[in-house]
Every structure is written in C-alpha cells, then in structure tokens.
Protein backbone atom coordinates (compact mmCIF):
# COMPACT_ATOMS: atom_id res chain seq x y z
CA MET A 1 -38.62 39.97 -3.69
CA GLU A 2 -35.39 41.93 -3.91
CA VAL A 3 -34.03 39.99 -0.96
CA LEU A 4 -34.45 36.72 -2.85
CA TRP A 5 -32.50 38.08 -5.83
CA ILE A 6 -29.72 39.32 -3.54
CA MET A 7 -29.55 36.01 -1.68
CA GLY A 8 -29.60 34.04 -4.96
CA GLY A 9 -26.86 36.19 -6.45
CA LEU A 10 -24.75 35.86 -3.31
CA PHE A 11 -25.22 32.09 -3.34
CA ILE A 12 -24.12 31.85 -6.98
CA PHE A 13 -21.14 34.16 -6.34
CA VAL A 14 -19.97 32.15 -3.31
CA THR A 15 -20.47 28.85 -5.15
CA LEU A 16 -18.45 30.00 -8.15
CA GLY A 17 -15.76 31.31 -5.80
CA PHE A 18 -15.58 27.93 -4.08
CA PHE A 19 -15.22 26.16 -7.43
CA ALA A 20 -12.44 28.55 -8.45
CA VAL A 21 -10.55 27.97 -5.19
CA ALA A 22 -11.08 24.20 -5.49
CA LEU A 23 -9.71 24.27 -9.03
CA PHE A 24 -6.59 26.36 -8.36
CA PHE A 25 -5.89 25.51 -4.68
CA PRO A 26 -7.47 22.09 -4.00
CA GLU A 27 -5.64 21.54 -0.69
CA LEU A 28 -7.36 24.60 0.81
CA VAL A 29 -10.79 23.00 0.47
CA GLY A 30 -9.81 19.45 1.43
CA ILE A 31 -9.13 17.95 -2.00
CA THR A 32 -5.86 16.06 -2.32
CA GLY A 33 -4.08 17.50 -5.33
CA LYS A 34 -1.41 15.92 -7.53
CA VAL A 35 1.46 17.42 -5.55
CA ALA A 36 0.11 16.21 -2.20
CA ARG A 37 -0.58 12.76 -3.63
CA ASN A 38 3.02 12.47 -4.85
CA ILE A 39 4.34 13.57 -1.46
CA GLU A 40 2.16 11.00 0.33
CA GLU A 41 3.43 8.24 -1.97
CA SER A 42 7.05 9.21 -1.35
CA HIS A 43 6.52 9.20 2.42
CA ARG A 44 4.72 5.87 2.38
CA GLY A 45 7.92 3.93 1.76
CA ASP A 46 6.92 0.34 1.02
CA ASP A 47 4.52 -0.72 -1.66
CA PRO A 48 1.05 -0.66 -0.03
CA ALA A 49 0.02 -3.73 -2.06
CA LYS A 50 2.60 -5.84 -0.22
CA GLN A 51 1.49 -4.77 3.27
CA PRO A 52 -1.10 -6.93 5.06
CA ASN A 53 -4.59 -5.54 5.26
CA PRO A 54 -5.54 -5.11 8.96
CA ASN A 55 -9.25 -5.38 8.08
CA GLU A 56 -8.97 -8.93 6.74
CA SER A 57 -9.45 -11.84 9.09
CA ALA A 58 -6.43 -13.99 9.88
CA PRO A 59 -6.13 -17.45 8.30
CA ALA A 60 -7.35 -20.41 10.35
CA GLY A 61 -4.97 -21.25 13.17
CA LYS A 62 -3.16 -17.90 12.95
CA THR A 63 -5.35 -15.79 15.21
CA GLY A 64 -2.72 -15.25 17.88
CA SER A 65 -5.04 -16.55 20.57
CA LYS A 66 -3.34 -18.31 23.49
CA THR A 67 -6.37 -20.43 24.38
CA PRO A 68 -6.62 -23.89 22.83
CA SER A 69 -9.48 -24.43 20.42
CA ASN A 70 -11.91 -27.28 21.12
C-alpha cells in the first residue's frame, strides 16, 4: 500500500513540475510562447492571407496539365 502512495505522490509532483515548466518556459515543452510567435511572424515576411493555399484545388482550366481535356 505504501508503494501506491509513493507512486501517486511522485505522479502528482512530476505533473505539477511539468505545469510549472510549461507556464514559465513554454518553449521547453513544445508550446509556442508569445515571443516565439512574434519571431515567426516577423520571419514570415508576406501576409499569409494573401498567399495561395496549396491545399485548395486549382480553378477549372488552370491545372497546369499539358494534356488536352476531352
């Protein structure tokens, strides 16, 4: 029974430690913080809303295919 209390206490301690690190140093645990987000926006250059979305299909007749359509 003591092992369960030790394991439970260790789990709670590690979880609280993770939350503290995530709060004060978000980049260390994979969360993009405000500073990193600002840096990414400054490196992006152009407005992303004006760039074409590569996941959208091309308009009819603009597929770039060299074969004639029947």
